[in-house]
Amino acid sequence: MLTSTLINYLCGLGIYYLSKKKQYQRLVLSIGIFLNLSILVYYKYLDFILENLQIIGFFKGTLPFYIALPIGISFFTFQGMSYIIDVYRDDARVQTNPIHLGLYIALFPQLIAGPIVRYQDIADQIEHRIISRLGFSDGIRKFIRGLSKKVIFANTAAVIADNTFALEPTSIPIGVAWLGIICYTLQIYFDFSGYSDMAIGLGKMFGFHFKENFNHPYIAKSIREFWRRWHISLSTWFRDYLYISLGGNRKGELITYRNLFIVFFITGFWHGASWNFIIWGLFHGAFLILERAKIIDTSKLPNMVGHAYALLVVILGWVLFRAESLEGGVLYLGSMFGLYEGTEYYPLLFLTNYNIFIILTAIILSTPIRVKFYGILARLQTPFRMKSDIVTALENSLYIVLLIYTLSELAQSNYNPFIYFRF
């Protein structure tokens, strides 16, 4: 991380002081991007690359040492690159104080799980932050929501998902296979969005305002809309720094399809050094191309059909994302569609009344119901003459109860999976 910070600090200065020599600016930017990606490739992808070179006969032997993956490297590498690209594009001013740039790259709330924060979004906040009682209390509430998402909903769904995917895929009955992937669908959403909410909440406590990273992606009516709602900081990063740089949709349909293919190949690869992630990215990219070409025209579908289509594609994609191997993912998909005679019902033992209640609640909360509830509450305040301070007191009491319950869940359980280690 220190090396990455130093590289980006020097490259930013180089780009700034060579502002009148565009070709040298471009050279410094290219060097900076190359060095950033070299660090990422060495630590995260070298083993995967050499393993595949072995398979096709271009490399023999193994590495004489073990490469430990630095936590958060995918996030802070992309943040470092966004800084030098923003300086090059004149979207952000250069940072001459290395401590301030180090703060941006090493800012701990979102370092290991996102969102990916762009330098231009918090450049002013690094030097001039306003820490207020209102902002701090909003941050606490946001953090509690994120923590409860992770501990109560993601961890509960993970128990069933993990026990299902631990089985031999060909032994899983249809119903159990669908239950397992539905639970993983809930787990990954509440885990990812929960960590993002905690990061945003912590940021608010310190006077930083990070953008929202999830916007109820499972209500999308197309895969294109899904990616506008899912991991927003990552999808917009690839859009602004890669897709548009490749030409976006300005150079004809074939070039647009090529660009989408490249972006989603890299999106999958960014998530992990595995063919599972690559195929998962290309799977989504293929449906985006089909929608772009109007082969699948979601605008002509009824809303319910559009929702069902998008959710089905997303769920099938999560199988590849979750499976330990590409072969295991394909076999699991076969179990979902009844290609094997399943005999293993072990995951059903974890379907207690409590877990069923939590899973059903998670399904409801994956929709914008909380936002609608607040809207109804606001409309009720005036006719029932409810004072705002009473409503605030009741709301804060609810958050306190939620925090105590979440902490009690943490205290009595030793099952707390951290799925980001895979990335």
Protein backbone atom coordinates (compact mmCIF):
# COMPACT_ATOMS: atom_id res chain seq x y z
CA MET A 1 0.00 0.00 0.00
CA LEU A 2 2.86 2.39 0.80
CA THR A 3 4.47 1.56 -2.55
CA SER A 4 1.17 2.12 -4.35
CA THR A 5 0.71 5.45 -2.58
CA LEU A 6 4.24 6.59 -3.48
CA ILE A 7 3.79 5.59 -7.14
CA ASN A 8 0.52 7.49 -7.47
CA TYR A 9 1.84 10.51 -5.58
CA LEU A 10 4.88 10.85 -7.88
CA CYS A 11 2.84 10.18 -11.02
CA GLY A 12 0.29 12.79 -9.99
CA LEU A 13 3.04 15.37 -9.53
CA GLY A 14 4.59 14.37 -12.86
CA ILE A 15 1.31 14.78 -14.71
CA TYR A 16 0.73 18.17 -13.07
CA TYR A 17 4.18 19.63 -13.76
CA LEU A 18 4.13 18.38 -17.36
CA SER A 19 0.75 19.97 -18.06
CA LYS A 20 2.09 21.85 -21.11
CA LYS A 21 3.56 18.69 -22.66
CA LYS A 22 0.66 16.38 -23.34
CA GLN A 23 2.74 13.55 -24.77
CA TYR A 24 4.88 13.41 -21.61
CA GLN A 25 1.79 13.61 -19.45
CA ARG A 26 0.38 10.61 -21.30
CA LEU A 27 3.66 8.74 -20.79
CA VAL A 28 3.64 9.38 -17.03
CA LEU A 29 -0.01 8.28 -16.84
CA SER A 30 0.79 5.10 -18.77
CA ILE A 31 3.70 4.32 -16.44
CA GLY A 32 1.48 4.92 -13.41
CA ILE A 33 -1.28 2.63 -14.69
CA PHE A 34 1.30 -0.03 -15.65
CA LEU A 35 2.91 0.02 -12.19
CA ASN A 36 -0.46 -0.09 -10.41
CA LEU A 37 -1.63 -3.01 -12.49
CA SER A 38 1.75 -4.77 -12.13
CA ILE A 39 1.36 -4.77 -8.34
CA LEU A 40 -2.19 -6.08 -8.64
CA VAL A 41 -1.27 -8.77 -11.18
CA TYR A 42 1.74 -9.96 -9.16
CA TYR A 43 -0.12 -10.40 -5.90
CA LYS A 44 -3.54 -11.45 -7.14
CA TYR A 45 -3.14 -13.10 -10.55
CA LEU A 46 0.39 -14.45 -10.97
CA ASP A 47 -0.45 -17.90 -9.59
CA PHE A 48 -3.53 -18.12 -11.83
CA ILE A 49 -1.61 -17.01 -14.93
CA LEU A 50 1.24 -19.48 -14.36
CA GLU A 51 -1.20 -22.29 -13.62
CA ASN A 52 -2.93 -21.74 -16.97
CA LEU A 53 0.42 -21.42 -18.78
CA GLN A 54 1.31 -24.80 -17.29
CA ILE A 55 -1.85 -26.33 -18.70
CA ILE A 56 -1.09 -25.19 -22.25
CA GLY A 57 2.62 -26.11 -21.93
CA PHE A 58 4.24 -22.65 -21.84
CA PHE A 59 5.49 -22.93 -18.27
CA LYS A 60 6.92 -25.78 -16.23
CA GLY A 61 7.44 -25.99 -12.52
CA THR A 62 5.97 -23.93 -9.71
CA LEU A 63 6.79 -20.71 -7.92
CA PRO A 64 9.51 -21.26 -5.28
CA PHE A 65 7.62 -19.04 -2.83
CA TYR A 66 4.11 -18.30 -1.62
CA ILE A 67 2.47 -14.99 -2.55
CA ALA A 68 0.23 -13.62 0.20
CA LEU A 69 -2.65 -11.50 -1.09
CA PRO A 70 -2.64 -8.06 0.62
CA ILE A 71 -6.10 -7.32 1.96
CA GLY A 72 -7.97 -4.63 0.05
CA ILE A 73 -5.50 -4.54 -2.87
CA SER A 74 -8.25 -4.56 -5.52
CA PHE A 75 -9.91 -1.53 -3.94
CA PHE A 76 -6.89 0.65 -3.19
CA THR A 77 -5.31 -0.10 -6.58
CA PHE A 78 -8.41 1.13 -8.40
CA GLN A 79 -8.59 4.17 -6.15
CA GLY A 80 -4.95 5.03 -6.88
CA MET A 81 -5.53 4.74 -10.61
CA SER A 82 -8.66 6.89 -10.43
CA TYR A 83 -6.55 9.63 -8.78
CA ILE A 84 -3.91 9.86 -11.50
CA ILE A 85 -6.53 9.54 -14.27
CA ASP A 86 -8.60 12.33 -12.72
CA VAL A 87 -5.52 14.56 -12.47
CA TYR A 88 -4.65 13.79 -16.11
CA ARG A 89 -8.19 14.64 -17.24
CA ASP A 90 -8.26 17.82 -15.12
CA ASP A 91 -11.20 16.39 -13.19
CA ALA A 92 -9.28 16.82 -9.93
CA ARG A 93 -6.43 18.97 -8.72
CA VAL A 94 -3.08 17.38 -7.88
CA GLN A 95 -2.41 16.51 -4.25
CA THR A 96 1.00 17.86 -3.18
CA ASN A 97 0.72 16.59 0.40
CA PRO A 98 1.67 12.87 0.51
CA ILE A 99 -0.13 12.44 3.85
CA HIS A 100 -3.40 13.63 2.34
CA LEU A 101 -3.03 11.28 -0.62
CA GLY A 102 -2.13 8.47 1.77
CA LEU A 103 -5.31 9.21 3.72
CA TYR A 104 -7.34 8.86 0.53
CA ILE A 105 -5.78 5.53 -0.47
CA ALA A 106 -5.66 4.01 3.02
CA LEU A 107 -8.97 5.36 4.31
CA PHE A 108 -10.05 2.36 6.37
CA PRO A 109 -13.88 2.43 6.39
CA GLN A 110 -14.15 1.21 2.78
CA LEU A 111 -10.66 -0.18 2.26
CA ILE A 112 -11.45 -3.91 2.29
CA ALA A 113 -15.00 -4.08 1.02
CA GLY A 114 -15.85 -0.93 -0.90
CA PRO A 115 -17.33 1.24 -2.14
CA ILE A 116 -14.56 2.36 -4.51
CA VAL A 117 -14.20 6.04 -3.67
CA ARG A 118 -12.97 8.38 -6.40
CA TYR A 119 -10.51 11.07 -5.52
CA GLN A 120 -12.53 13.82 -7.18
CA ASP A 121 -15.50 12.99 -4.93
CA ILE A 122 -13.68 13.52 -1.62
CA ALA A 123 -10.71 15.74 -2.57
CA ASP A 124 -12.18 18.74 -0.76
CA GLN A 125 -13.28 16.62 2.21
CA ILE A 126 -9.73 15.37 2.81
CA GLU A 127 -8.61 18.87 3.75
CA HIS A 128 -11.90 20.48 4.84
CA ARG A 129 -14.39 18.24 6.59
CA ILE A 130 -17.43 19.25 8.59
CA ILE A 131 -18.13 16.90 11.48
CA SER A 132 -21.57 17.66 12.88
CA ARG A 133 -23.81 16.05 15.46
CA LEU A 134 -26.44 15.41 12.78
CA GLY A 135 -23.91 13.85 10.41
CA PHE A 136 -22.43 11.73 13.20
CA SER A 137 -25.85 10.43 14.27
CA ASP A 138 -26.79 9.69 10.64
CA GLY A 139 -23.51 7.77 10.35
CA ILE A 140 -24.32 5.71 13.44
CA ARG A 141 -27.74 4.76 12.06
CA LYS A 142 -26.24 3.87 8.68
CA PHE A 143 -23.57 1.77 10.36
CA ILE A 144 -26.13 -0.10 12.48
CA ARG A 145 -28.20 -0.87 9.36
CA GLY A 146 -25.13 -2.23 7.61
CA LEU A 147 -24.02 -4.28 10.62
CA SER A 148 -27.48 -5.81 11.01
CA LYS A 149 -27.60 -6.63 7.28
CA LYS A 150 -24.35 -8.55 7.63
CA VAL A 151 -24.90 -10.28 10.98
CA ILE A 152 -28.63 -11.00 10.98
CA PHE A 153 -29.47 -11.55 7.31
CA ALA A 154 -26.25 -12.39 5.42
CA ASN A 155 -24.91 -14.78 8.06
CA THR A 156 -28.26 -16.56 8.47
CA ALA A 157 -28.59 -17.10 4.71
CA ALA A 158 -24.93 -18.14 4.54
CA VAL A 159 -25.48 -21.13 6.83
CA ILE A 160 -27.86 -22.75 4.34
CA ALA A 161 -25.94 -21.60 1.24
CA ASP A 162 -22.58 -22.86 2.53
CA ASN A 163 -23.97 -26.25 3.60
CA THR A 164 -25.66 -26.67 0.22
CA PHE A 165 -22.60 -25.78 -1.86
CA ALA A 166 -20.43 -28.06 0.33
CA LEU A 167 -22.35 -31.09 -1.00
CA GLU A 168 -21.56 -33.09 -4.11
CA PRO A 169 -23.57 -31.17 -6.76
CA THR A 170 -25.05 -34.28 -8.37
CA SER A 171 -26.52 -35.38 -5.01
CA ILE A 172 -28.58 -32.22 -4.44
CA PRO A 173 -32.35 -32.41 -5.14
CA ILE A 174 -33.97 -29.66 -7.22
CA GLY A 175 -35.67 -27.94 -4.29
CA VAL A 176 -32.56 -27.95 -2.11
CA ALA A 177 -30.42 -26.64 -5.00
CA TRP A 178 -32.79 -23.71 -5.55
CA LEU A 179 -32.98 -23.05 -1.81
CA GLY A 180 -29.17 -22.96 -1.60
CA ILE A 181 -28.69 -20.48 -4.43
CA ILE A 182 -31.58 -18.27 -3.29
CA CYS A 183 -29.95 -18.10 0.14
CA TYR A 184 -26.62 -17.21 -1.50
CA THR A 185 -28.40 -14.55 -3.57
CA LEU A 186 -29.59 -12.99 -0.32
CA GLN A 187 -26.26 -13.54 1.43
CA ILE A 188 -24.13 -11.78 -1.16
CA TYR A 189 -26.50 -8.81 -1.40
CA PHE A 190 -26.83 -8.25 2.34
CA ASP A 191 -23.12 -8.93 2.86
CA PHE A 192 -21.90 -6.55 0.14
CA SER A 193 -24.46 -3.84 0.80
CA GLY A 194 -24.06 -4.28 4.55
CA TYR A 195 -20.32 -3.62 4.41
CA SER A 196 -20.90 -0.68 2.09
CA ASP A 197 -23.45 0.79 4.52
CA MET A 198 -21.01 0.35 7.41
CA ALA A 199 -18.29 2.09 5.40
CA ILE A 200 -20.60 4.96 4.43
CA GLY A 201 -21.74 5.26 8.05
CA LEU A 202 -18.18 5.33 9.41
CA GLY A 203 -17.28 7.88 6.77
CA LYS A 204 -20.13 10.15 7.89
CA MET A 205 -18.90 9.94 11.48
CA PHE A 206 -15.55 11.34 10.32
CA GLY A 207 -17.04 13.94 8.01
CA PHE A 208 -16.67 12.02 4.72
CA HIS A 209 -19.61 11.55 2.38
CA PHE A 210 -19.32 8.45 0.22
CA LYS A 211 -21.85 7.72 -2.51
CA GLU A 212 -24.38 4.92 -2.16
CA ASN A 213 -23.14 1.62 -3.55
CA PHE A 214 -26.37 -0.42 -3.84
CA ASN A 215 -29.88 0.60 -4.86
CA HIS A 216 -32.14 -2.47 -4.48
CA PRO A 217 -30.64 -4.35 -7.46
CA TYR A 218 -33.03 -7.29 -7.22
CA ILE A 219 -35.99 -5.17 -8.33
CA ALA A 220 -34.31 -4.54 -11.71
CA LYS A 221 -36.24 -5.39 -14.89
CA SER A 222 -33.14 -5.92 -17.04
CA ILE A 223 -29.48 -6.82 -16.60
CA ARG A 224 -28.56 -3.32 -17.69
CA GLU A 225 -30.67 -1.89 -14.87
CA PHE A 226 -29.23 -4.46 -12.47
CA TRP A 227 -25.72 -3.10 -13.07
CA ARG A 228 -26.96 0.44 -12.51
CA ARG A 229 -28.10 -0.70 -9.07
CA TRP A 230 -25.47 -3.31 -8.08
CA HIS A 231 -22.01 -2.31 -6.77
CA ILE A 232 -22.53 1.11 -8.31
CA SER A 233 -19.01 2.36 -7.56
CA LEU A 234 -17.44 -0.56 -9.46
CA SER A 235 -19.75 -0.44 -12.48
CA THR A 236 -19.37 3.34 -12.83
CA TRP A 237 -15.58 3.01 -12.42
CA PHE A 238 -15.41 0.58 -15.35
CA ARG A 239 -17.82 2.73 -17.35
CA ASP A 240 -15.91 5.99 -16.89
CA TYR A 241 -12.33 4.73 -16.94
CA LEU A 242 -12.49 1.73 -19.29
CA TYR A 243 -15.69 1.58 -21.36
CA ILE A 244 -15.63 5.24 -22.38
CA SER A 245 -11.87 5.13 -22.94
CA LEU A 246 -12.38 2.22 -25.36
CA GLY A 247 -14.87 4.32 -27.31
CA GLY A 248 -18.07 3.47 -25.45
CA ASN A 249 -21.00 3.34 -27.86
CA ARG A 250 -19.72 6.10 -30.14
CA LYS A 251 -18.06 3.95 -32.82
CA GLY A 252 -20.82 1.67 -34.04
CA GLU A 253 -22.60 -1.38 -32.74
CA LEU A 254 -19.81 -3.91 -33.28
CA ILE A 255 -17.28 -1.79 -31.38
CA THR A 256 -19.86 -1.28 -28.62
CA TYR A 257 -20.33 -5.06 -28.29
CA ARG A 258 -16.55 -5.51 -28.23
CA ASN A 259 -16.24 -2.90 -25.50
CA LEU A 260 -18.96 -4.55 -23.41
CA PHE A 261 -17.20 -7.89 -23.83
CA ILE A 262 -13.88 -6.44 -22.64
CA VAL A 263 -15.43 -4.57 -19.72
CA PHE A 264 -17.28 -7.59 -18.38
CA PHE A 265 -14.34 -9.91 -18.94
CA ILE A 266 -12.28 -7.59 -16.73
CA THR A 267 -15.19 -7.10 -14.30
CA GLY A 268 -15.26 -10.85 -13.71
CA PHE A 269 -11.46 -11.10 -13.49
CA TRP A 270 -11.36 -8.19 -11.01
CA HIS A 271 -13.46 -10.21 -8.58
CA GLY A 272 -10.99 -13.06 -8.44
CA ALA A 273 -8.29 -15.14 -10.13
CA SER A 274 -10.59 -17.92 -11.29
CA TRP A 275 -12.35 -18.96 -14.48
CA ASN A 276 -15.58 -18.97 -12.47
CA PHE A 277 -15.43 -15.20 -12.09
CA ILE A 278 -14.42 -14.66 -15.71
CA ILE A 279 -17.30 -16.79 -17.04
CA TRP A 280 -19.66 -15.04 -14.60
CA GLY A 281 -18.58 -11.65 -15.99
CA LEU A 282 -18.94 -12.79 -19.61
CA PHE A 283 -22.35 -14.31 -18.78
CA HIS A 284 -23.60 -10.90 -17.68
CA GLY A 285 -21.86 -9.23 -20.61
CA ALA A 286 -23.61 -11.56 -23.05
CA PHE A 287 -27.04 -10.59 -21.73
CA LEU A 288 -26.12 -6.91 -21.85
CA ILE A 289 -25.17 -7.35 -25.51
CA LEU A 290 -28.45 -9.19 -26.20
CA GLU A 291 -30.38 -6.36 -24.56
CA ARG A 292 -28.35 -3.74 -26.41
CA ALA A 293 -29.08 -5.48 -29.74
CA LYS A 294 -32.80 -5.65 -28.82
CA ILE A 295 -32.72 -9.44 -29.17
CA ILE A 296 -34.04 -9.32 -25.61
CA ASP A 297 -36.20 -6.20 -25.48
CA THR A 298 -37.17 -5.73 -21.85
CA SER A 299 -39.06 -2.50 -22.62
CA LYS A 300 -41.74 -4.59 -24.32
CA LEU A 301 -42.09 -7.05 -21.45
CA PRO A 302 -44.65 -6.66 -18.65
CA ASN A 303 -43.02 -5.49 -15.42
CA MET A 304 -43.43 -8.83 -13.65
CA VAL A 305 -41.94 -10.72 -16.60
CA GLY A 306 -39.01 -8.28 -16.75
CA HIS A 307 -38.38 -8.72 -13.01
CA ALA A 308 -38.53 -12.50 -13.33
CA TYR A 309 -36.17 -12.51 -16.33
CA ALA A 310 -33.56 -10.30 -14.66
CA LEU A 311 -33.73 -12.15 -11.34
CA LEU A 312 -33.41 -15.54 -13.03
CA VAL A 313 -30.32 -14.44 -14.98
CA VAL A 314 -28.75 -12.98 -11.84
CA ILE A 315 -29.46 -16.12 -9.77
CA LEU A 316 -28.02 -18.43 -12.45
CA GLY A 317 -24.95 -16.21 -12.60
CA TRP A 318 -24.47 -16.40 -8.83
CA VAL A 319 -24.07 -20.18 -9.14
CA LEU A 320 -20.87 -19.65 -11.15
CA PHE A 321 -19.80 -16.91 -8.74
CA ARG A 322 -20.25 -19.09 -5.63
CA ALA A 323 -19.09 -22.52 -6.83
CA GLU A 324 -15.54 -23.54 -5.92
CA SER A 325 -14.79 -24.62 -9.49
CA LEU A 326 -16.23 -24.12 -12.96
CA GLU A 327 -17.09 -27.82 -13.18
CA GLY A 328 -18.84 -27.66 -9.81
CA GLY A 329 -20.86 -24.65 -10.97
CA VAL A 330 -22.01 -26.42 -14.14
CA LEU A 331 -23.00 -29.53 -12.16
CA TYR A 332 -24.89 -27.40 -9.64
CA LEU A 333 -26.84 -25.77 -12.48
CA GLY A 334 -27.72 -29.28 -13.63
CA SER A 335 -29.08 -30.08 -10.16
CA MET A 336 -31.25 -26.95 -10.28
CA PHE A 337 -32.89 -28.23 -13.45
CA GLY A 338 -33.30 -31.84 -12.31
CA LEU A 339 -30.59 -33.53 -14.38
CA TYR A 340 -29.57 -35.75 -11.45
CA GLU A 341 -31.42 -37.78 -8.86
CA GLY A 342 -30.68 -35.83 -5.72
CA THR A 343 -30.48 -37.69 -2.43
CA GLU A 344 -28.89 -35.19 0.00
CA TYR A 345 -31.33 -33.14 2.11
CA TYR A 346 -28.87 -32.06 4.82
CA PRO A 347 -29.27 -28.26 4.28
CA LEU A 348 -32.97 -28.55 5.15
CA LEU A 349 -31.96 -29.29 8.75
CA PHE A 350 -31.01 -25.61 9.06
CA LEU A 351 -34.51 -24.44 8.08
CA THR A 352 -35.65 -23.59 11.59
CA ASN A 353 -38.66 -21.34 12.14
CA TYR A 354 -36.28 -18.50 13.02
CA ASN A 355 -34.20 -18.95 9.85
CA ILE A 356 -37.32 -19.11 7.68
CA PHE A 357 -38.54 -15.86 9.26
CA ILE A 358 -35.17 -14.15 8.69
CA ILE A 359 -34.98 -15.32 5.06
CA LEU A 360 -38.52 -14.14 4.29
CA THR A 361 -37.77 -10.82 6.00
CA ALA A 362 -34.57 -10.51 3.94
CA ILE A 363 -36.55 -11.01 0.73
CA ILE A 364 -38.93 -8.22 1.75
CA LEU A 365 -36.08 -5.90 2.80
CA SER A 366 -34.28 -6.40 -0.52
CA THR A 367 -37.06 -4.22 -1.96
CA PRO A 368 -37.46 -0.46 -1.28
CA ILE A 369 -40.04 -1.14 1.46
CA ARG A 370 -38.07 0.81 4.11
CA VAL A 371 -38.04 3.91 1.91
CA LYS A 372 -41.78 3.59 1.31
CA PHE A 373 -42.39 3.10 5.04
CA TYR A 374 -40.56 6.34 5.83
CA GLY A 375 -42.66 8.10 3.20
CA ILE A 376 -45.88 6.84 4.80
CA LEU A 377 -44.60 7.84 8.25
CA ALA A 378 -43.84 11.35 7.01
CA ARG A 379 -47.35 11.71 5.61
CA LEU A 380 -48.87 10.50 8.90
CA GLN A 381 -46.99 13.03 11.00
CA THR A 382 -49.15 16.00 10.00
CA PRO A 383 -52.68 14.56 10.34
CA PHE A 384 -51.85 12.79 13.61
CA ARG A 385 -49.85 15.79 14.85
CA MET A 386 -46.86 13.67 15.72
CA LYS A 387 -43.97 15.88 16.71
CA SER A 388 -40.71 15.29 14.84
CA ASP A 389 -38.74 14.86 18.07
CA ILE A 390 -41.09 12.05 19.18
CA VAL A 391 -40.68 10.29 15.84
CA THR A 392 -36.90 10.70 16.07
CA ALA A 393 -36.87 9.31 19.62
CA LEU A 394 -38.87 6.26 18.53
CA GLU A 395 -36.60 5.74 15.53
CA ASN A 396 -33.45 6.00 17.64
CA SER A 397 -34.91 3.56 20.17
CA LEU A 398 -35.48 1.10 17.36
CA TYR A 399 -31.87 1.46 16.23
CA ILE A 400 -30.61 0.91 19.79
CA VAL A 401 -32.65 -2.30 20.08
CA LEU A 402 -31.37 -3.41 16.65
CA LEU A 403 -27.75 -2.76 17.69
CA ILE A 404 -28.14 -4.68 20.97
CA TYR A 405 -29.75 -7.61 19.15
CA THR A 406 -27.00 -7.61 16.49
CA LEU A 407 -24.27 -7.58 19.13
CA SER A 408 -25.96 -10.45 20.98
CA GLU A 409 -26.03 -12.43 17.72
CA LEU A 410 -22.30 -11.78 17.26
CA ALA A 411 -21.56 -12.77 20.86
CA GLN A 412 -23.35 -16.13 20.73
CA SER A 413 -22.21 -17.24 17.28
CA ASN A 414 -18.74 -18.14 15.98
CA TYR A 415 -20.00 -18.30 12.38
CA ASN A 416 -19.16 -15.04 10.66
CA PRO A 417 -17.91 -15.68 7.10
CA PHE A 418 -15.88 -12.95 5.40
CA ILE A 419 -16.44 -13.64 1.70
CA TYR A 420 -14.16 -10.81 0.54
CA PHE A 421 -11.11 -13.00 1.12
CA ARG A 422 -12.00 -14.68 -2.18
CA PHE A 423 -11.56 -11.35 -3.96
